[in-house]
Protein backbone atom coordinates (compact mmCIF):
# COMPACT_ATOMS: atom_id res chain seq x y z
CA MET A 1 -116.05 -63.96 -41.83
CA LEU A 2 -117.04 -65.66 -38.54
CA ASP A 3 -119.89 -68.22 -38.54
CA LYS A 4 -121.20 -68.04 -34.88
CA GLN A 5 -123.24 -71.17 -35.34
CA GLN A 6 -120.11 -73.13 -36.59
CA VAL A 7 -118.27 -72.04 -33.44
CA THR A 8 -121.12 -72.86 -31.17
CA ASP A 9 -121.57 -76.29 -32.82
CA LEU A 10 -117.74 -77.09 -32.49
CA ILE A 11 -117.75 -75.93 -28.72
CA ARG A 12 -120.62 -78.18 -28.00
CA SER A 13 -119.05 -81.05 -29.72
CA GLU A 14 -115.64 -80.42 -27.70
CA SER A 15 -117.25 -79.67 -24.23
CA VAL A 16 -118.78 -81.63 -21.46
CA LEU A 17 -122.00 -80.26 -19.78
CA ILE A 18 -121.75 -79.84 -16.09
CA ASP A 19 -123.60 -77.80 -13.59
CA ARG A 20 -121.98 -74.29 -12.80
CA GLY A 21 -122.48 -74.90 -8.93
CA ILE A 22 -120.46 -78.06 -9.17
CA ILE A 23 -117.56 -76.35 -10.88
CA GLY A 24 -117.71 -73.65 -8.38
CA ASP A 25 -117.87 -75.86 -5.29
CA LEU A 26 -114.97 -78.02 -6.77
CA TYR A 27 -112.88 -74.99 -7.32
CA GLU A 28 -113.45 -73.51 -3.92
CA THR A 29 -112.76 -76.79 -2.22
CA GLY A 30 -109.57 -77.10 -4.21
CA LEU A 31 -108.42 -73.81 -3.28
CA LYS A 32 -109.12 -74.43 0.41
CA PHE A 33 -107.35 -77.64 0.66
CA LEU A 34 -104.49 -76.82 -1.77
CA GLY A 35 -103.70 -73.49 -0.34
CA ILE A 36 -101.83 -70.37 -1.64
CA GLY A 37 -99.12 -72.19 -3.87
CA VAL A 38 -101.75 -73.61 -6.27
CA GLY A 39 -102.16 -70.46 -8.41
CA GLY A 40 -99.05 -71.03 -10.67
CA ILE A 41 -100.19 -74.57 -11.31
CA LEU A 42 -103.76 -73.52 -12.26
CA TYR A 43 -102.43 -70.72 -14.57
CA SER A 44 -100.17 -73.46 -16.23
CA ALA A 45 -102.86 -75.95 -16.48
CA GLY A 46 -105.35 -73.17 -17.78
CA LYS A 47 -102.54 -71.92 -20.36
CA LYS A 48 -102.40 -75.48 -22.01
CA GLY A 49 -106.15 -75.39 -22.24
CA GLY A 50 -106.26 -71.90 -23.83
CA ALA A 51 -103.47 -72.98 -26.36
CA ARG A 52 -105.43 -76.08 -27.45
CA GLY A 53 -108.72 -73.96 -27.66
CA ALA A 54 -107.02 -71.61 -30.27
CA GLN A 55 -105.55 -74.70 -32.23
CA VAL A 56 -109.03 -76.43 -32.30
CA LEU A 57 -110.84 -73.18 -33.60
CA HIS A 58 -108.09 -72.58 -35.93
CA GLN A 59 -107.35 -76.23 -37.31
CA ARG A 60 -111.35 -77.13 -37.59
CA LEU A 61 -112.67 -73.76 -38.79
CA GLY A 62 -109.69 -71.91 -40.28
CA LEU A 63 -110.01 -69.07 -37.96
CA ILE A 64 -107.24 -66.33 -37.72
CA GLY A 65 -106.90 -62.91 -36.31
CA GLU A 66 -109.69 -60.99 -35.04
CA ASP A 67 -112.14 -63.93 -36.20
CA LEU A 68 -110.18 -66.21 -33.82
CA LEU A 69 -110.43 -63.85 -30.92
CA GLU A 70 -114.08 -63.24 -31.50
CA ALA A 71 -114.66 -67.08 -31.74
CA ALA A 72 -112.87 -67.45 -28.28
CA LEU A 73 -115.23 -64.91 -26.59
CA LEU A 74 -118.22 -66.66 -28.22
CA ALA A 75 -117.19 -70.04 -27.29
CA PHE A 76 -116.40 -68.77 -23.48
CA THR A 77 -119.89 -67.44 -23.45
CA GLN A 78 -121.59 -70.45 -25.22
CA ALA A 79 -119.77 -72.79 -22.71
CA ASN A 80 -121.38 -70.61 -19.86
CA TRP A 81 -118.01 -69.93 -18.25
CA GLY A 82 -119.05 -66.12 -18.10
CA VAL A 83 -119.55 -63.26 -20.58
CA GLY A 84 -116.34 -62.11 -21.85
CA THR A 85 -115.48 -58.75 -23.62
CA LEU A 86 -112.45 -57.80 -25.23
CA MET A 87 -111.23 -54.14 -24.35
CA ARG A 88 -108.75 -52.10 -26.16
CA ASP A 89 -107.40 -48.81 -25.03
CA GLY A 90 -104.49 -47.87 -27.62
CA ALA A 91 -101.96 -50.58 -27.07
CA LYS A 92 -103.41 -51.95 -23.91
CA ILE A 93 -105.58 -55.00 -24.11
CA ALA A 94 -107.98 -56.34 -21.36
CA ILE A 95 -110.58 -59.11 -21.04
CA GLN A 96 -113.65 -58.10 -18.97
CA VAL A 97 -115.60 -61.29 -17.55
CA GLN A 98 -119.11 -60.87 -16.27
CA ASP A 99 -120.61 -63.89 -14.17
CA SER A 100 -117.39 -65.79 -14.04
CA ALA A 101 -118.34 -69.57 -13.27
CA LEU A 102 -115.17 -69.66 -11.05
CA ALA A 103 -115.29 -66.58 -9.01
CA SER A 104 -119.25 -66.14 -8.77
CA SER A 105 -119.37 -69.09 -6.39
CA VAL A 106 -116.40 -68.43 -4.21
CA GLN A 107 -116.83 -65.33 -2.23
CA HIS A 108 -114.95 -63.12 0.43
CA GLN A 109 -111.57 -63.79 -1.07
CA ARG A 110 -108.60 -61.44 -0.22
CA LYS A 111 -107.30 -61.45 -3.84
CA PRO A 112 -108.20 -62.59 -7.26
CA ILE A 113 -108.72 -66.24 -7.72
CA CYS A 114 -109.26 -67.12 -11.26
CA HIS A 115 -105.81 -68.42 -12.06
CA PRO A 116 -106.99 -71.11 -14.57
CA LEU A 117 -108.99 -68.40 -16.58
CA ALA A 118 -106.00 -66.14 -16.64
CA GLY A 119 -103.74 -68.90 -17.93
CA TYR A 120 -106.42 -70.09 -20.50
CA ILE A 121 -106.54 -66.48 -21.87
CA ALA A 122 -102.67 -66.22 -21.88
CA GLY A 123 -102.42 -69.68 -23.58
CA PHE A 124 -105.02 -68.82 -26.24
CA LEU A 125 -103.42 -65.36 -27.05
CA GLU A 126 -100.01 -66.84 -27.27
CA GLU A 127 -101.11 -69.46 -29.87
CA ALA A 128 -103.24 -66.85 -31.80
CA TRP A 129 -100.52 -64.08 -31.83
CA LYS A 130 -97.49 -66.52 -31.83
CA ARG A 131 -95.77 -64.48 -29.10
CA SER A 132 -95.49 -64.55 -25.46
CA VAL A 133 -98.02 -62.87 -23.30
CA LYS A 134 -98.67 -62.79 -19.46
CA VAL A 135 -102.10 -62.25 -18.13
CA ARG A 136 -102.92 -60.82 -14.68
CA GLU A 137 -106.28 -60.61 -13.14
CA THR A 138 -106.69 -57.27 -11.48
CA LYS A 139 -110.36 -57.21 -10.42
CA CYS A 140 -112.34 -60.32 -9.39
CA ILE A 141 -115.98 -61.02 -8.35
CA ALA A 142 -114.62 -63.26 -5.56
CA VAL A 143 -113.07 -60.08 -3.82
CA GLY A 144 -116.32 -58.12 -4.46
CA ASP A 145 -115.56 -56.46 -7.71
CA GLU A 146 -118.47 -56.30 -10.14
CA TYR A 147 -116.70 -58.32 -12.75
CA CYS A 148 -113.19 -59.91 -13.54
CA LEU A 149 -110.71 -58.03 -15.35
CA PHE A 150 -107.59 -59.65 -17.01
CA GLU A 151 -104.98 -57.32 -18.01
CA VAL A 152 -102.59 -58.69 -21.16
CA GLU A 153 -99.06 -57.70 -20.85
C-alpha cells in the first residue's frame, strides 16, 4: 500500500526548491536560443531523469506496479511541476497535466514544448514497466490548450 507521506518526504529530500517563474524563464530563454533542434536533446535528458525517479521510488520505498505509478504522480504534484492525472481508455494510456511549470510560463507557441516532461514520463514508465515506450505531447498549455496531454505508445 502506498504511504503518501513517505513519498512526499522522499521527494523533498531529493529535490531542490526553486521558484516556478525562474524555471519557466530559463526554459523559455533556452528554447529561444537553442532553437527547434533542442527537442530531442531535452526529451533524452528528461528520459534519464524519469528512469532515475522510478529507481529511487522503487529502491527506497519498494514500490512496484500501480503504487509506483501513483507515487510518480504524487511526487510530480508535490514537487510543484503541475498536477498529473493518469488516464486509461482500454489499452490506451495518457497523462494529463494541469498547470505545467514548463508550459504555463511559455505562451504563444506553435507546437507543444514540454519535451523534458514527455521524456521524463517515458523514462519513468520504461523503468517501471521494463519495456520500451514512446511518449508524445498532443496538447500543450503553451499553444493555448487547457492542459498538457501526453500519449503513451
